[in-house]
Amino acid sequence: MKWADARKILNSDPEVAKALEENELEYQVIREFIKARIDKNLTQKQLADLVGTQQSNISRLESGNYNPSLEFLDKVARALDKRIHLNLI
């Protein structure tokens, strides 16, 4: 099942839809980091070594079970040859 299909099903429940909306930014950040890591053909362990952290920290970041600091996110982004860009709209 694709995420778009799953989202349609989940959005049919107003409480679930609200929770998804409230957490959209977190999901978006996680997706971007996972995509960048995969695009560079890196394992979580390899990325962790580049960042100077443990693989478990990268795993927690990617699973959403971690509330990382901006400093940590910046380190991970730089290890992926990326920069964080933020827009307030």
PDB file of N, CA and C in Angstrom:
ATOM      1  N   MET A   1       0.846  -1.166   0.000  1.00  0.00           N
ATOM      2  CA  MET A   1       0.000   0.000   0.000  1.00  0.00           C
ATOM      3  C   MET A   1       0.896   1.235   0.000  1.00  0.00           C
ATOM      4  N   LYS A   2       0.579   2.177  -0.837  1.00  0.00           N
ATOM      5  CA  LYS A   2       1.329   3.418  -0.900  1.00  0.00           C
ATOM      6  C   LYS A   2       0.858   4.361   0.208  1.00  0.00           C
ATOM      7  N   TRP A   3       1.769   5.271   0.600  1.00  0.00           N
ATOM      8  CA  TRP A   3       1.460   6.201   1.682  1.00  0.00           C
ATOM      9  C   TRP A   3       0.225   7.035   1.351  1.00  0.00           C
ATOM     10  N   ALA A   4       0.082   7.467   0.101  1.00  0.00           N
ATOM     11  CA  ALA A   4      -1.074   8.292  -0.274  1.00  0.00           C
ATOM     12  C   ALA A   4      -2.377   7.532  -0.046  1.00  0.00           C
ATOM     13  N   ASP A   5      -2.384   6.239  -0.356  1.00  0.00           N
ATOM     14  CA  ASP A   5      -3.582   5.425  -0.135  1.00  0.00           C
ATOM     15  C   ASP A   5      -3.850   5.244   1.357  1.00  0.00           C
ATOM     16  N   ALA A   6      -2.793   4.987   2.096  1.00  0.00           N
ATOM     17  CA  ALA A   6      -2.936   4.815   3.543  1.00  0.00           C
ATOM     18  C   ALA A   6      -3.424   6.103   4.183  1.00  0.00           C
ATOM     19  N   ARG A   7      -2.911   7.215   3.690  1.00  0.00           N
ATOM     20  CA  ARG A   7      -3.310   8.506   4.254  1.00  0.00           C
ATOM     21  C   ARG A   7      -4.800   8.767   4.039  1.00  0.00           C
ATOM     22  N   LYS A   8      -5.338   8.391   2.873  1.00  0.00           N
ATOM     23  CA  LYS A   8      -6.771   8.556   2.610  1.00  0.00           C
ATOM     24  C   LYS A   8      -7.590   7.781   3.637  1.00  0.00           C
ATOM     25  N   ILE A   9      -7.161   6.565   3.919  1.00  0.00           N
ATOM     26  CA  ILE A   9      -7.861   5.731   4.904  1.00  0.00           C
ATOM     27  C   ILE A   9      -7.755   6.360   6.292  1.00  0.00           C
ATOM     28  N   LEU A  10      -6.551   6.766   6.653  1.00  0.00           N
ATOM     29  CA  LEU A  10      -6.331   7.350   7.976  1.00  0.00           C
ATOM     30  C   LEU A  10      -7.073   8.671   8.137  1.00  0.00           C
ATOM     31  N   ASN A  11      -7.148   9.444   7.063  1.00  0.00           N
ATOM     32  CA  ASN A  11      -7.830  10.739   7.131  1.00  0.00           C
ATOM     33  C   ASN A  11      -9.337  10.603   7.318  1.00  0.00           C
ATOM     34  N   SER A  12      -9.867   9.393   7.121  1.00  0.00           N
ATOM     35  CA  SER A  12     -11.302   9.212   7.317  1.00  0.00           C
ATOM     36  C   SER A  12     -11.681   9.301   8.801  1.00  0.00           C
ATOM     37  N   ASP A  13     -10.702   9.164   9.683  1.00  0.00           N
ATOM     38  CA  ASP A  13     -10.922   9.318  11.119  1.00  0.00           C
ATOM     39  C   ASP A  13     -10.448  10.724  11.513  1.00  0.00           C
ATOM     40  N   PRO A  14     -11.349  11.597  11.952  1.00  0.00           N
ATOM     41  CA  PRO A  14     -10.963  12.985  12.256  1.00  0.00           C
ATOM     42  C   PRO A  14      -9.833  13.117  13.276  1.00  0.00           C
ATOM     43  N   GLU A  15      -9.801  12.260  14.279  1.00  0.00           N
ATOM     44  CA  GLU A  15      -8.737  12.338  15.292  1.00  0.00           C
ATOM     45  C   GLU A  15      -7.391  11.968  14.689  1.00  0.00           C
ATOM     46  N   VAL A  16      -7.394  10.931  13.862  1.00  0.00           N
ATOM     47  CA  VAL A  16      -6.149  10.511  13.214  1.00  0.00           C
ATOM     48  C   VAL A  16      -5.700  11.586  12.226  1.00  0.00           C
ATOM     49  N   ALA A  17      -6.638  12.131  11.469  1.00  0.00           N
ATOM     50  CA  ALA A  17      -6.316  13.185  10.510  1.00  0.00           C
ATOM     51  C   ALA A  17      -5.683  14.380  11.212  1.00  0.00           C
ATOM     52  N   LYS A  18      -6.217  14.755  12.363  1.00  0.00           N
ATOM     53  CA  LYS A  18      -5.665  15.882  13.119  1.00  0.00           C
ATOM     54  C   LYS A  18      -4.245  15.573  13.596  1.00  0.00           C
ATOM     55  N   ALA A  19      -4.021  14.362  14.084  1.00  0.00           N
ATOM     56  CA  ALA A  19      -2.686  13.970  14.551  1.00  0.00           C
ATOM     57  C   ALA A  19      -1.687  13.978  13.398  1.00  0.00           C
ATOM     58  N   LEU A  20      -2.102  13.489  12.236  1.00  0.00           N
ATOM     59  CA  LEU A  20      -1.216  13.512  11.069  1.00  0.00           C
ATOM     60  C   LEU A  20      -0.846  14.937  10.693  1.00  0.00           C
ATOM     61  N   GLU A  21      -1.828  15.807  10.701  1.00  0.00           N
ATOM     62  CA  GLU A  21      -1.592  17.202  10.349  1.00  0.00           C
ATOM     63  C   GLU A  21      -0.648  17.865  11.346  1.00  0.00           C
ATOM     64  N   GLU A  22      -0.834  17.600  12.620  1.00  0.00           N
ATOM     65  CA  GLU A  22       0.004  18.197  13.656  1.00  0.00           C
ATOM     66  C   GLU A  22       1.452  17.727  13.567  1.00  0.00           C
ATOM     67  N   ASN A  23       1.657  16.527  13.035  1.00  0.00           N
ATOM     68  CA  ASN A  23       3.000  15.955  12.969  1.00  0.00           C
ATOM     69  C   ASN A  23       3.605  15.993  11.572  1.00  0.00           C
ATOM     70  N   GLU A  24       2.968  16.678  10.645  1.00  0.00           N
ATOM     71  CA  GLU A  24       3.432  16.702   9.253  1.00  0.00           C
ATOM     72  C   GLU A  24       4.863  17.203   9.120  1.00  0.00           C
ATOM     73  N   LEU A  25       5.227  18.252   9.848  1.00  0.00           N
ATOM     74  CA  LEU A  25       6.583  18.776   9.754  1.00  0.00           C
ATOM     75  C   LEU A  25       7.603  17.715  10.172  1.00  0.00           C
ATOM     76  N   GLU A  26       7.330  17.025  11.253  1.00  0.00           N
ATOM     77  CA  GLU A  26       8.243  15.973  11.708  1.00  0.00           C
ATOM     78  C   GLU A  26       8.383  14.885  10.649  1.00  0.00           C
ATOM     79  N   TYR A  27       7.256  14.449  10.076  1.00  0.00           N
ATOM     80  CA  TYR A  27       7.306  13.414   9.036  1.00  0.00           C
ATOM     81  C   TYR A  27       8.104  13.896   7.827  1.00  0.00           C
ATOM     82  N   GLN A  28       7.916  15.139   7.475  1.00  0.00           N
ATOM     83  CA  GLN A  28       8.609  15.706   6.316  1.00  0.00           C
ATOM     84  C   GLN A  28      10.122  15.732   6.553  1.00  0.00           C
ATOM     85  N   VAL A  29      10.534  16.153   7.729  1.00  0.00           N
ATOM     86  CA  VAL A  29      11.962  16.196   8.060  1.00  0.00           C
ATOM     87  C   VAL A  29      12.549  14.786   8.015  1.00  0.00           C
ATOM     88  N   ILE A  30      11.860  13.843   8.612  1.00  0.00           N
ATOM     89  CA  ILE A  30      12.338  12.457   8.631  1.00  0.00           C
ATOM     90  C   ILE A  30      12.491  11.931   7.208  1.00  0.00           C
ATOM     91  N   ARG A  31      11.469  12.150   6.373  1.00  0.00           N
ATOM     92  CA  ARG A  31      11.521  11.679   4.979  1.00  0.00           C
ATOM     93  C   ARG A  31      12.723  12.259   4.246  1.00  0.00           C
ATOM     94  N   GLU A  32      12.985  13.555   4.448  1.00  0.00           N
ATOM     95  CA  GLU A  32      14.103  14.203   3.769  1.00  0.00           C
ATOM     96  C   GLU A  32      15.445  13.594   4.180  1.00  0.00           C
ATOM     97  N   PHE A  33      15.613  13.340   5.467  1.00  0.00           N
ATOM     98  CA  PHE A  33      16.868  12.756   5.933  1.00  0.00           C
ATOM     99  C   PHE A  33      17.040  11.321   5.427  1.00  0.00           C
ATOM    100  N   ILE A  34      15.985  10.532   5.471  1.00  0.00           N
ATOM    101  CA  ILE A  34      16.080   9.159   4.968  1.00  0.00           C
ATOM    102  C   ILE A  34      16.401   9.161   3.479  1.00  0.00           C
ATOM    103  N   LYS A  35      15.703  10.003   2.727  1.00  0.00           N
ATOM    104  CA  LYS A  35      15.932  10.078   1.279  1.00  0.00           C
ATOM    105  C   LYS A  35      17.374  10.484   0.980  1.00  0.00           C
ATOM    106  N   ALA A  36      17.888  11.487   1.678  1.00  0.00           N
ATOM    107  CA  ALA A  36      19.257  11.944   1.448  1.00  0.00           C
ATOM    108  C   ALA A  36      20.266  10.841   1.771  1.00  0.00           C
ATOM    109  N   ARG A  37      20.023  10.097   2.846  1.00  0.00           N
ATOM    110  CA  ARG A  37      20.942   9.006   3.213  1.00  0.00           C
ATOM    111  C   ARG A  37      20.922   7.914   2.152  1.00  0.00           C
ATOM    112  N   ILE A  38      19.736   7.544   1.710  1.00  0.00           N
ATOM    113  CA  ILE A  38      19.611   6.490   0.694  1.00  0.00           C
ATOM    114  C   ILE A  38      20.217   6.953  -0.628  1.00  0.00           C
ATOM    115  N   ASP A  39      19.987   8.203  -0.992  1.00  0.00           N
ATOM    116  CA  ASP A  39      20.553   8.742  -2.231  1.00  0.00           C
ATOM    117  C   ASP A  39      22.077   8.685  -2.232  1.00  0.00           C
ATOM    118  N   LYS A  40      22.685   8.794  -1.052  1.00  0.00           N
ATOM    119  CA  LYS A  40      24.146   8.712  -0.934  1.00  0.00           C
ATOM    120  C   LYS A  40      24.634   7.280  -0.711  1.00  0.00           C
ATOM    121  N   ASN A  41      23.683   6.330  -0.754  1.00  0.00           N
ATOM    122  CA  ASN A  41      24.010   4.908  -0.570  1.00  0.00           C
ATOM    123  C   ASN A  41      24.743   4.649   0.745  1.00  0.00           C
ATOM    124  N   LEU A  42      24.263   5.286   1.807  1.00  0.00           N
ATOM    125  CA  LEU A  42      24.866   5.110   3.124  1.00  0.00           C
ATOM    126  C   LEU A  42      23.954   4.296   4.021  1.00  0.00           C
ATOM    127  N   THR A  43      24.542   3.464   4.839  1.00  0.00           N
ATOM    128  CA  THR A  43      23.791   2.801   5.893  1.00  0.00           C
ATOM    129  C   THR A  43      23.672   3.770   7.061  1.00  0.00           C
ATOM    130  N   GLN A  44      22.814   3.437   8.000  1.00  0.00           N
ATOM    131  CA  GLN A  44      22.722   4.267   9.204  1.00  0.00           C
ATOM    132  C   GLN A  44      24.063   4.297   9.933  1.00  0.00           C
ATOM    133  N   LYS A  45      24.742   3.182   9.966  1.00  0.00           N
ATOM    134  CA  LYS A  45      26.039   3.097  10.646  1.00  0.00           C
ATOM    135  C   LYS A  45      27.070   3.993   9.958  1.00  0.00           C
ATOM    136  N   GLN A  46      27.101   3.961   8.641  1.00  0.00           N
ATOM    137  CA  GLN A  46      28.055   4.795   7.916  1.00  0.00           C
ATOM    138  C   GLN A  46      27.767   6.279   8.150  1.00  0.00           C
ATOM    139  N   LEU A  47      26.495   6.646   8.128  1.00  0.00           N
ATOM    140  CA  LEU A  47      26.125   8.033   8.385  1.00  0.00           C
ATOM    141  C   LEU A  47      26.504   8.429   9.809  1.00  0.00           C
ATOM    142  N   ALA A  48      26.230   7.555  10.752  1.00  0.00           N
ATOM    143  CA  ALA A  48      26.578   7.833  12.148  1.00  0.00           C
ATOM    144  C   ALA A  48      28.073   8.082  12.293  1.00  0.00           C
ATOM    145  N   ASP A  49      28.884   7.285  11.608  1.00  0.00           N
ATOM    146  CA  ASP A  49      30.329   7.474  11.666  1.00  0.00           C
ATOM    147  C   ASP A  49      30.729   8.841  11.113  1.00  0.00           C
ATOM    148  N   LEU A  50      30.093   9.265  10.032  1.00  0.00           N
ATOM    149  CA  LEU A  50      30.386  10.575   9.449  1.00  0.00           C
ATOM    150  C   LEU A  50      29.988  11.708  10.402  1.00  0.00           C
ATOM    151  N   VAL A  51      28.887  11.517  11.116  1.00  0.00           N
ATOM    152  CA  VAL A  51      28.382  12.535  12.037  1.00  0.00           C
ATOM    153  C   VAL A  51      29.177  12.545  13.339  1.00  0.00           C
ATOM    154  N   GLY A  52      29.727  11.389  13.696  1.00  0.00           N
ATOM    155  CA  GLY A  52      30.421  11.267  14.971  1.00  0.00           C
ATOM    156  C   GLY A  52      29.469  10.899  16.094  1.00  0.00           C
ATOM    157  N   THR A  53      28.496  10.057  15.758  1.00  0.00           N
ATOM    158  CA  THR A  53      27.508   9.614  16.733  1.00  0.00           C
ATOM    159  C   THR A  53      27.322   8.114  16.583  1.00  0.00           C
ATOM    160  N   GLN A  54      26.375   7.567  17.303  1.00  0.00           N
ATOM    161  CA  GLN A  54      26.110   6.133  17.223  1.00  0.00           C
ATOM    162  C   GLN A  54      24.963   5.867  16.257  1.00  0.00           C
ATOM    163  N   GLN A  55      24.972   4.677  15.680  1.00  0.00           N
ATOM    164  CA  GLN A  55      23.939   4.277  14.733  1.00  0.00           C
ATOM    165  C   GLN A  55      22.565   4.368  15.360  1.00  0.00           C
ATOM    166  N   SER A  56      22.454   4.082  16.648  1.00  0.00           N
ATOM    167  CA  SER A  56      21.158   4.126  17.317  1.00  0.00           C
ATOM    168  C   SER A  56      20.550   5.533  17.285  1.00  0.00           C
ATOM    169  N   ASN A  57      21.400   6.574  17.296  1.00  0.00           N
ATOM    170  CA  ASN A  57      20.884   7.945  17.219  1.00  0.00           C
ATOM    171  C   ASN A  57      20.294   8.240  15.839  1.00  0.00           C
ATOM    172  N   ILE A  58      20.921   7.707  14.803  1.00  0.00           N
ATOM    173  CA  ILE A  58      20.391   7.883  13.448  1.00  0.00           C
ATOM    174  C   ILE A  58      19.090   7.098  13.314  1.00  0.00           C
ATOM    175  N   SER A  59      19.052   5.911  13.870  1.00  0.00           N
ATOM    176  CA  SER A  59      17.839   5.094  13.835  1.00  0.00           C
ATOM    177  C   SER A  59      16.688   5.797  14.544  1.00  0.00           C
ATOM    178  N   ARG A  60      16.970   6.351  15.707  1.00  0.00           N
ATOM    179  CA  ARG A  60      15.920   7.071  16.454  1.00  0.00           C
ATOM    180  C   ARG A  60      15.450   8.303  15.699  1.00  0.00           C
ATOM    181  N   LEU A  61      16.379   9.014  15.046  1.00  0.00           N
ATOM    182  CA  LEU A  61      16.008  10.167  14.235  1.00  0.00           C
ATOM    183  C   LEU A  61      15.058   9.741  13.117  1.00  0.00           C
ATOM    184  N   GLU A  62      15.430   8.676  12.410  1.00  0.00           N
ATOM    185  CA  GLU A  62      14.641   8.225  11.265  1.00  0.00           C
ATOM    186  C   GLU A  62      13.310   7.599  11.665  1.00  0.00           C
ATOM    187  N   SER A  63      13.212   7.105  12.869  1.00  0.00           N
ATOM    188  CA  SER A  63      11.957   6.487  13.312  1.00  0.00           C
ATOM    189  C   SER A  63      11.016   7.500  13.969  1.00  0.00           C
ATOM    190  N   GLY A  64      11.535   8.694  14.246  1.00  0.00           N
ATOM    191  CA  GLY A  64      10.718   9.703  14.903  1.00  0.00           C
ATOM    192  C   GLY A  64      10.699   9.558  16.410  1.00  0.00           C
ATOM    193  N   ASN A  65      11.566   8.704  16.946  1.00  0.00           N
ATOM    194  CA  ASN A  65      11.616   8.482  18.395  1.00  0.00           C
ATOM    195  C   ASN A  65      12.711   9.314  19.052  1.00  0.00           C
ATOM    196  N   TYR A  66      12.918  10.490  18.534  1.00  0.00           N
ATOM    197  CA  TYR A  66      14.021  11.321  18.994  1.00  0.00           C
ATOM    198  C   TYR A  66      13.635  12.772  18.737  1.00  0.00           C
ATOM    199  N   ASN A  67      13.914  13.623  19.662  1.00  0.00           N
ATOM    200  CA  ASN A  67      13.672  15.046  19.484  1.00  0.00           C
ATOM    201  C   ASN A  67      15.038  15.712  19.365  1.00  0.00           C
ATOM    202  N   PRO A  68      15.612  15.699  18.151  1.00  0.00           N
ATOM    203  CA  PRO A  68      16.989  16.172  17.994  1.00  0.00           C
ATOM    204  C   PRO A  68      17.099  17.686  18.079  1.00  0.00           C
ATOM    205  N   SER A  69      18.265  18.136  18.467  1.00  0.00           N
ATOM    206  CA  SER A  69      18.540  19.567  18.469  1.00  0.00           C
ATOM    207  C   SER A  69      18.799  20.020  17.035  1.00  0.00           C
ATOM    208  N   LEU A  70      18.678  21.307  16.813  1.00  0.00           N
ATOM    209  CA  LEU A  70      19.019  21.843  15.495  1.00  0.00           C
ATOM    210  C   LEU A  70      20.486  21.602  15.181  1.00  0.00           C
ATOM    211  N   GLU A  71      21.315  21.639  16.195  1.00  0.00           N
ATOM    212  CA  GLU A  71      22.747  21.378  16.008  1.00  0.00           C
ATOM    213  C   GLU A  71      22.963  19.963  15.471  1.00  0.00           C
ATOM    214  N   PHE A  72      22.261  18.993  16.046  1.00  0.00           N
ATOM    215  CA  PHE A  72      22.398  17.611  15.585  1.00  0.00           C
ATOM    216  C   PHE A  72      21.889  17.475  14.151  1.00  0.00           C
ATOM    217  N   LEU A  73      20.732  18.073  13.870  1.00  0.00           N
ATOM    218  CA  LEU A  73      20.188  18.006  12.510  1.00  0.00           C
ATOM    219  C   LEU A  73      21.156  18.635  11.509  1.00  0.00           C
ATOM    220  N   ASP A  74      21.781  19.723  11.893  1.00  0.00           N
ATOM    221  CA  ASP A  74      22.754  20.375  11.018  1.00  0.00           C
ATOM    222  C   ASP A  74      23.959  19.468  10.772  1.00  0.00           C
ATOM    223  N   LYS A  75      24.442  18.790  11.797  1.00  0.00           N
ATOM    224  CA  LYS A  75      25.570  17.857  11.643  1.00  0.00           C
ATOM    225  C   LYS A  75      25.211  16.736  10.676  1.00  0.00           C
ATOM    226  N   VAL A  76      24.011  16.191  10.827  1.00  0.00           N
ATOM    227  CA  VAL A  76      23.575  15.108   9.947  1.00  0.00           C
ATOM    228  C   VAL A  76      23.447  15.633   8.520  1.00  0.00           C
ATOM    229  N   ALA A  77      22.841  16.792   8.366  1.00  0.00           N
ATOM    230  CA  ALA A  77      22.680  17.372   7.025  1.00  0.00           C
ATOM    231  C   ALA A  77      24.035  17.589   6.363  1.00  0.00           C
ATOM    232  N   ARG A  78      24.976  18.145   7.096  1.00  0.00           N
ATOM    233  CA  ARG A  78      26.308  18.396   6.526  1.00  0.00           C
ATOM    234  C   ARG A  78      27.020  17.094   6.167  1.00  0.00           C
ATOM    235  N   ALA A  79      26.833  16.060   6.964  1.00  0.00           N
ATOM    236  CA  ALA A  79      27.430  14.758   6.648  1.00  0.00           C
ATOM    237  C   ALA A  79      26.847  14.196   5.348  1.00  0.00           C
ATOM    238  N   LEU A  80      25.647  14.629   5.029  1.00  0.00           N
ATOM    239  CA  LEU A  80      24.980  14.206   3.793  1.00  0.00           C
ATOM    240  C   LEU A  80      25.211  15.202   2.655  1.00  0.00           C
ATOM    241  N   ASP A  81      26.125  16.159   2.870  1.00  0.00           N
ATOM    242  CA  ASP A  81      26.397  17.234   1.902  1.00  0.00           C
ATOM    243  C   ASP A  81      25.143  18.043   1.588  1.00  0.00           C
ATOM    244  N   LYS A  82      24.364  18.277   2.622  1.00  0.00           N
ATOM    245  CA  LYS A  82      23.125  19.045   2.503  1.00  0.00           C
ATOM    246  C   LYS A  82      23.161  20.203   3.486  1.00  0.00           C
ATOM    247  N   ARG A  83      22.235  21.118   3.303  1.00  0.00           N
ATOM    248  CA  ARG A  83      22.037  22.227   4.235  1.00  0.00           C
ATOM    249  C   ARG A  83      20.565  22.252   4.610  1.00  0.00           C
ATOM    250  N   ILE A  84      20.271  22.692   5.805  1.00  0.00           N
ATOM    251  CA  ILE A  84      18.881  22.843   6.237  1.00  0.00           C
ATOM    252  C   ILE A  84      18.420  24.239   5.822  1.00  0.00           C
ATOM    253  N   HIS A  85      17.248  24.272   5.221  1.00  0.00           N
ATOM    254  CA  HIS A  85      16.651  25.543   4.807  1.00  0.00           C
ATOM    255  C   HIS A  85      15.274  25.627   5.412  1.00  0.00           C
ATOM    256  N   LEU A  86      14.965  26.745   6.030  1.00  0.00           N
ATOM    257  CA  LEU A  86      13.690  26.912   6.718  1.00  0.00           C
ATOM    258  C   LEU A  86      12.969  28.131   6.187  1.00  0.00           C
ATOM    259  N   ASN A  87      11.691  27.974   5.907  1.00  0.00           N
ATOM    260  CA  ASN A  87      10.843  29.088   5.478  1.00  0.00           C
ATOM    261  C   ASN A  87       9.648  29.175   6.410  1.00  0.00           C
ATOM    262  N   LEU A  88       9.340  30.363   6.829  1.00  0.00           N
ATOM    263  CA  LEU A  88       8.114  30.593   7.559  1.00  0.00           C
ATOM    264  C   LEU A  88       7.111  31.164   6.562  1.00  0.00           C
ATOM    265  N   ILE A  89       5.958  30.527   6.469  1.00  0.00           N
ATOM    266  CA  ILE A  89       4.954  31.004   5.508  1.00  0.00           C
ATOM    267  C   ILE A  89       3.676  31.364   6.213  1.00  0.00           C
TER     268      ILE A  89
END
